[in-house]
Amino acid sequence: MAWHLDELTIRQYQAGSGDGPGAMSIEAHLAACEACRGVLAADRAWLDRSWSGVVQRLDPDRSGVVERCLRIAGIPDWLARLVSLSPALRSPFVVALLAVIAFAVIASNLEPTGRSFVVFLVSAPLIPVCSIAVSYASRLDTARELAAAAPFSSLRLLLIRSSVVLTLAIGILLLAWPMVPAPDRIGISTWLSPGLTLVLVTLALASRFEIGPSAAFVCSAWCLTIMTSNGALQGFQVMVVFPVLSAVAIGFIAFQRSRYSQVGFHR
């Protein structure tokens, strides 16, 4: 390089007081001249701020509330991101979920005698099932490719994502329960036990069929059960039948665990 920048020019460049074309000419010279680059005073704070701004622009932190909560709970960052991308944890679905539960609560309060409680009884167990179905809807799952590349078994990822979605759905239902005018003999287990059973049966069927049809079949069977029982579940059903069905579903899921890597909704 035949010429070098003088000290005044370098100070003006660092202060940002030069014009645009002049600054471009200086930068072109600095890129080719090691001696002039060595004269520049390194402003470490400025470099850190500039680099931080570049990284933030190229890779902004778009983590949502669910992802941040999972990180606080000790979940690894990559797994928290994978779980939080579930369609059932997005704002539109959560808003729709709140609207459905609010409708069920309002409808159950329309009749002072408490007979309208059947509206909540029908809706509450179906909400977790629908949440699981939405979580694995192929057209809605933006993390489908990421899930396919997850470094552990399909069944483990299925259970992790389902657990988070169930926690959200059941948590909202538990908050709404005190506002439901249920008869004295009716407790939380009246809808919680069937809800968990329906979810497990849906996941068991999903090892053989698509998650959507499996959820639709389970929801239809539940509605038929309520219709044939005149909206009243017996204690035997709640305390014995549903736990037995849950145990059978869990055993079937464990037996068919290798099938989940072949099911379209996950892999």
Protein backbone atom coordinates (compact mmCIF):
# COMPACT_ATOMS: atom_id res chain seq x y z
CA MET A 1 0.00 0.00 0.00
CA ALA A 2 1.68 3.25 -1.21
CA TRP A 3 -0.12 5.65 1.15
CA HIS A 4 -1.63 5.62 4.63
CA LEU A 5 -4.35 7.50 6.48
CA ASP A 6 -3.18 10.44 8.52
CA GLU A 7 -4.05 10.72 12.21
CA LEU A 8 -6.67 13.47 11.71
CA THR A 9 -8.55 11.41 9.12
CA ILE A 10 -8.56 8.38 11.40
CA ARG A 11 -9.90 10.42 14.35
CA GLN A 12 -12.68 11.90 12.17
CA TYR A 13 -13.58 8.45 10.92
CA GLN A 14 -13.80 7.02 14.43
CA ALA A 15 -15.88 10.00 15.57
CA GLY A 16 -18.26 9.51 12.65
CA SER A 17 -17.86 13.07 11.45
CA GLY A 18 -16.87 12.27 7.87
CA ASP A 19 -19.18 12.23 4.85
CA GLY A 20 -20.58 9.04 3.33
CA PRO A 21 -18.34 8.67 0.28
CA GLY A 22 -15.27 9.55 2.36
CA ALA A 23 -16.12 6.94 4.98
CA MET A 24 -16.60 4.31 2.28
CA SER A 25 -13.19 5.18 0.82
CA ILE A 26 -11.57 4.92 4.25
CA GLU A 27 -13.20 1.54 4.93
CA ALA A 28 -12.00 0.23 1.56
CA HIS A 29 -8.46 1.35 2.44
CA LEU A 30 -8.62 -0.18 5.93
CA ALA A 31 -9.73 -3.52 4.48
CA ALA A 32 -6.49 -3.68 2.46
CA CYS A 33 -4.03 -1.92 4.78
CA GLU A 34 -2.99 -3.75 7.94
CA ALA A 35 -0.82 -0.85 9.14
CA CYS A 36 -3.75 1.61 9.19
CA ARG A 37 -6.00 -0.92 10.88
CA GLY A 38 -3.39 -1.20 13.62
CA VAL A 39 -3.59 2.56 14.26
CA LEU A 40 -7.33 2.43 14.97
CA ALA A 41 -8.15 2.52 18.68
CA ALA A 42 -10.30 -0.48 19.56
CA ASP A 43 -13.45 0.59 21.41
CA ARG A 44 -14.42 -2.67 23.06
CA ALA A 45 -17.72 -1.34 24.46
CA TRP A 46 -18.75 -0.05 21.04
CA LEU A 47 -17.80 -3.33 19.39
CA ASP A 48 -19.84 -5.29 21.94
CA ARG A 49 -22.88 -3.07 21.44
CA SER A 50 -22.59 -3.29 17.67
CA TRP A 51 -22.21 -7.06 17.66
CA SER A 52 -25.10 -7.46 20.09
CA GLY A 53 -27.27 -5.36 17.76
CA VAL A 54 -26.31 -7.47 14.76
CA VAL A 55 -27.08 -10.74 16.58
CA GLN A 56 -30.40 -9.41 17.84
CA ARG A 57 -31.39 -8.37 14.33
CA LEU A 58 -30.36 -11.65 12.72
CA ASP A 59 -31.56 -13.98 15.50
CA PRO A 60 -34.04 -12.16 17.74
CA ASP A 61 -35.17 -13.71 21.00
CA ARG A 62 -38.79 -14.55 20.27
CA SER A 63 -39.34 -16.89 23.15
CA GLY A 64 -42.87 -16.77 24.50
CA VAL A 65 -44.23 -17.09 28.00
CA VAL A 66 -44.48 -20.88 27.81
CA GLU A 67 -40.91 -21.26 26.60
CA ARG A 68 -39.57 -18.96 29.31
CA CYS A 69 -41.51 -20.85 31.99
CA LEU A 70 -40.12 -24.16 30.74
CA ARG A 71 -36.60 -22.76 30.87
CA ILE A 72 -37.13 -21.56 34.42
CA ALA A 73 -38.33 -25.08 35.29
CA GLY A 74 -34.96 -26.41 34.15
CA ILE A 75 -35.96 -27.68 30.69
CA PRO A 76 -33.09 -27.39 28.14
CA ASP A 77 -33.44 -24.46 25.74
CA TRP A 78 -33.86 -26.57 22.61
CA LEU A 79 -36.50 -28.79 24.22
CA ALA A 80 -38.35 -25.77 25.63
CA ARG A 81 -38.46 -24.27 22.13
CA LEU A 82 -39.68 -27.55 20.62
CA VAL A 83 -42.46 -27.96 23.19
CA SER A 84 -43.56 -24.31 23.11
CA LEU A 85 -44.05 -24.42 19.33
CA SER A 86 -46.98 -26.80 19.77
CA PRO A 87 -50.09 -25.36 18.05
CA ALA A 88 -52.11 -25.93 21.24
CA LEU A 89 -49.86 -23.48 23.11
CA ARG A 90 -50.25 -20.61 20.67
CA SER A 91 -52.28 -17.56 21.54
CA PRO A 92 -55.17 -18.17 19.06
CA PHE A 93 -55.83 -21.66 20.41
CA VAL A 94 -55.50 -20.58 24.03
CA VAL A 95 -58.02 -17.79 23.41
CA ALA A 96 -60.38 -20.26 21.74
CA LEU A 97 -59.89 -22.64 24.66
CA LEU A 98 -60.80 -19.91 27.14
CA ALA A 99 -63.86 -19.02 25.07
CA VAL A 100 -65.10 -22.63 25.02
CA ILE A 101 -64.61 -23.05 28.76
CA ALA A 102 -66.31 -19.71 29.43
CA PHE A 103 -69.27 -20.82 27.30
CA ALA A 104 -69.50 -24.11 29.20
CA VAL A 105 -69.41 -22.28 32.55
CA ILE A 106 -72.07 -19.77 31.48
CA ALA A 107 -74.29 -22.50 30.03
CA SER A 108 -74.03 -24.53 33.22
CA ASN A 109 -75.30 -21.53 35.22
CA LEU A 110 -78.41 -20.95 33.11
CA GLU A 111 -80.65 -23.25 35.13
CA PRO A 112 -80.83 -22.74 38.91
CA THR A 113 -81.59 -26.41 39.55
CA GLY A 114 -78.16 -27.46 38.34
CA ARG A 115 -79.41 -29.75 35.56
CA SER A 116 -77.49 -27.68 33.02
CA PHE A 117 -74.30 -28.90 34.69
CA VAL A 118 -74.31 -31.61 32.03
CA VAL A 119 -73.00 -29.00 29.56
CA PHE A 120 -69.80 -28.68 31.55
CA LEU A 121 -69.68 -32.41 32.20
CA VAL A 122 -69.71 -33.10 28.46
CA SER A 123 -67.30 -30.32 27.50
CA ALA A 124 -64.61 -30.60 30.18
CA PRO A 125 -63.26 -34.10 29.29
CA LEU A 126 -63.26 -33.25 25.57
CA ILE A 127 -61.10 -30.14 25.92
CA PRO A 128 -57.86 -32.05 26.76
CA VAL A 129 -58.53 -34.48 23.90
CA CYS A 130 -59.01 -31.64 21.40
CA SER A 131 -55.88 -29.93 22.72
CA ILE A 132 -53.80 -33.05 22.10
CA ALA A 133 -55.30 -33.45 18.61
CA VAL A 134 -54.46 -29.85 17.72
CA SER A 135 -50.92 -30.29 19.06
CA TYR A 136 -50.20 -32.90 16.41
CA ALA A 137 -52.22 -31.53 13.51
CA SER A 138 -49.82 -31.77 10.57
CA ARG A 139 -50.95 -28.53 8.93
CA LEU A 140 -50.60 -26.55 12.15
CA ASP A 141 -47.40 -27.96 13.62
CA THR A 142 -44.58 -25.61 12.57
CA ALA A 143 -42.10 -27.72 14.54
CA ARG A 144 -42.84 -30.92 12.62
CA GLU A 145 -39.37 -31.14 11.02
CA LEU A 146 -37.71 -30.14 14.28
CA ALA A 147 -39.61 -32.87 16.11
CA ALA A 148 -38.57 -35.42 13.51
CA ALA A 149 -34.93 -34.59 14.21
CA ALA A 150 -35.26 -34.66 18.01
CA PRO A 151 -32.43 -36.72 19.58
CA PHE A 152 -34.67 -39.12 21.46
CA SER A 153 -37.61 -41.45 20.89
CA SER A 154 -40.89 -40.35 19.38
CA LEU A 155 -42.84 -41.67 22.35
CA ARG A 156 -40.81 -39.61 24.82
CA LEU A 157 -41.38 -36.43 22.84
CA LEU A 158 -45.07 -37.31 22.50
CA LEU A 159 -45.44 -37.67 26.26
CA ILE A 160 -43.50 -34.47 26.99
CA ARG A 161 -45.54 -32.29 24.65
CA SER A 162 -48.80 -33.92 25.73
CA SER A 163 -47.98 -33.34 29.40
CA VAL A 164 -47.42 -29.62 28.85
CA VAL A 165 -50.61 -29.25 26.81
CA LEU A 166 -52.61 -31.20 29.40
CA THR A 167 -51.23 -29.04 32.20
CA LEU A 168 -52.52 -25.94 30.42
CA ALA A 169 -55.96 -27.35 29.56
CA ILE A 170 -56.63 -28.97 32.93
CA GLY A 171 -55.22 -25.96 34.78
CA ILE A 172 -57.75 -23.66 33.10
CA LEU A 173 -60.55 -26.13 33.81
CA LEU A 174 -59.60 -26.28 37.49
CA LEU A 175 -59.72 -22.50 37.68
CA ALA A 176 -63.18 -22.52 36.10
CA TRP A 177 -64.53 -25.34 38.30
CA PRO A 178 -65.50 -23.14 41.33
CA MET A 179 -67.82 -21.16 39.04
CA VAL A 180 -69.77 -24.26 37.99
CA PRO A 181 -72.95 -24.95 40.03
CA ALA A 182 -72.34 -28.67 40.37
CA PRO A 183 -74.55 -30.80 42.64
CA ASP A 184 -73.12 -31.58 46.07
CA ARG A 185 -72.31 -35.18 45.19
CA ILE A 186 -70.31 -34.16 42.12
CA GLY A 187 -66.59 -33.61 42.52
CA ILE A 188 -63.64 -32.81 40.30
CA SER A 189 -63.06 -36.51 39.60
CA THR A 190 -66.39 -36.63 37.75
CA TRP A 191 -64.83 -34.88 34.75
CA LEU A 192 -61.08 -35.14 35.46
CA SER A 193 -60.97 -38.94 35.51
CA PRO A 194 -62.84 -39.31 32.18
CA GLY A 195 -60.74 -36.52 30.65
CA LEU A 196 -57.45 -38.24 31.43
CA THR A 197 -58.83 -41.57 30.26
CA LEU A 198 -60.02 -40.11 26.95
CA VAL A 199 -56.58 -38.59 26.34
CA LEU A 200 -54.82 -41.89 27.00
CA VAL A 201 -57.23 -43.79 24.77
CA THR A 202 -56.69 -41.20 22.02
CA LEU A 203 -52.91 -41.56 22.26
CA ALA A 204 -53.25 -45.34 22.23
CA LEU A 205 -55.38 -45.26 19.07
CA ALA A 206 -52.92 -42.81 17.50
CA SER A 207 -50.34 -45.59 17.38
CA ARG A 208 -52.47 -47.18 14.66
CA PHE A 209 -54.49 -44.33 13.17
CA GLU A 210 -54.10 -40.63 12.53
CA ILE A 211 -54.54 -38.42 15.60
CA GLY A 212 -57.51 -36.52 14.13
CA PRO A 213 -59.78 -39.50 13.46
CA SER A 214 -58.69 -41.07 16.76
CA ALA A 215 -59.72 -37.97 18.70
CA ALA A 216 -63.00 -37.70 16.77
CA PHE A 217 -63.86 -41.33 17.58
CA VAL A 218 -63.09 -40.88 21.28
CA CYS A 219 -65.10 -37.65 21.49
CA SER A 220 -68.07 -39.30 19.79
CA ALA A 221 -67.90 -42.26 22.15
CA TRP A 222 -67.85 -39.91 25.13
CA CYS A 223 -70.89 -37.96 23.93
CA LEU A 224 -72.73 -41.24 23.31
CA THR A 225 -71.85 -42.37 26.85
CA ILE A 226 -73.29 -39.20 28.36
CA MET A 227 -76.45 -39.46 26.25
CA THR A 228 -77.11 -43.06 27.25
CA SER A 229 -76.49 -42.29 30.95
CA ASN A 230 -78.82 -39.28 30.88
CA GLY A 231 -75.98 -36.95 31.79
CA ALA A 232 -75.16 -38.73 35.05
CA LEU A 233 -72.06 -40.81 35.68
CA GLN A 234 -72.16 -43.43 38.40
CA GLY A 235 -69.49 -43.59 41.08
CA PHE A 236 -68.51 -47.04 39.84
CA GLN A 237 -67.74 -45.61 36.41
CA VAL A 238 -65.64 -42.78 37.78
CA MET A 239 -63.75 -44.78 40.42
CA VAL A 240 -63.33 -48.13 38.62
CA VAL A 241 -64.15 -48.16 34.90
CA PHE A 242 -62.16 -45.11 33.84
CA PRO A 243 -59.02 -45.99 35.87
CA VAL A 244 -59.11 -49.51 34.39
CA LEU A 245 -59.43 -48.09 30.86
CA SER A 246 -56.54 -45.74 31.60
CA ALA A 247 -54.35 -48.63 32.75
CA VAL A 248 -55.21 -50.62 29.62
CA ALA A 249 -54.42 -47.61 27.41
CA ILE A 250 -51.07 -47.06 29.16
CA GLY A 251 -50.17 -50.71 28.66
CA PHE A 252 -51.13 -50.52 24.99
CA ILE A 253 -49.03 -47.38 24.49
CA ALA A 254 -46.01 -49.07 26.09
CA PHE A 255 -46.53 -52.20 23.98
CA GLN A 256 -46.87 -50.19 20.76
CA ARG A 257 -44.10 -47.68 21.53
CA SER A 258 -42.17 -48.57 18.37
CA ARG A 259 -45.20 -47.65 16.25
CA TYR A 260 -45.08 -43.98 17.19
CA SER A 261 -42.00 -43.37 15.04
CA GLN A 262 -44.01 -44.55 12.04
CA VAL A 263 -47.20 -42.58 12.64
CA GLY A 264 -47.74 -39.66 10.29
CA PHE A 265 -48.71 -37.14 12.94
CA HIS A 266 -45.29 -37.29 14.59
CA ARG A 267 -42.61 -38.50 12.23
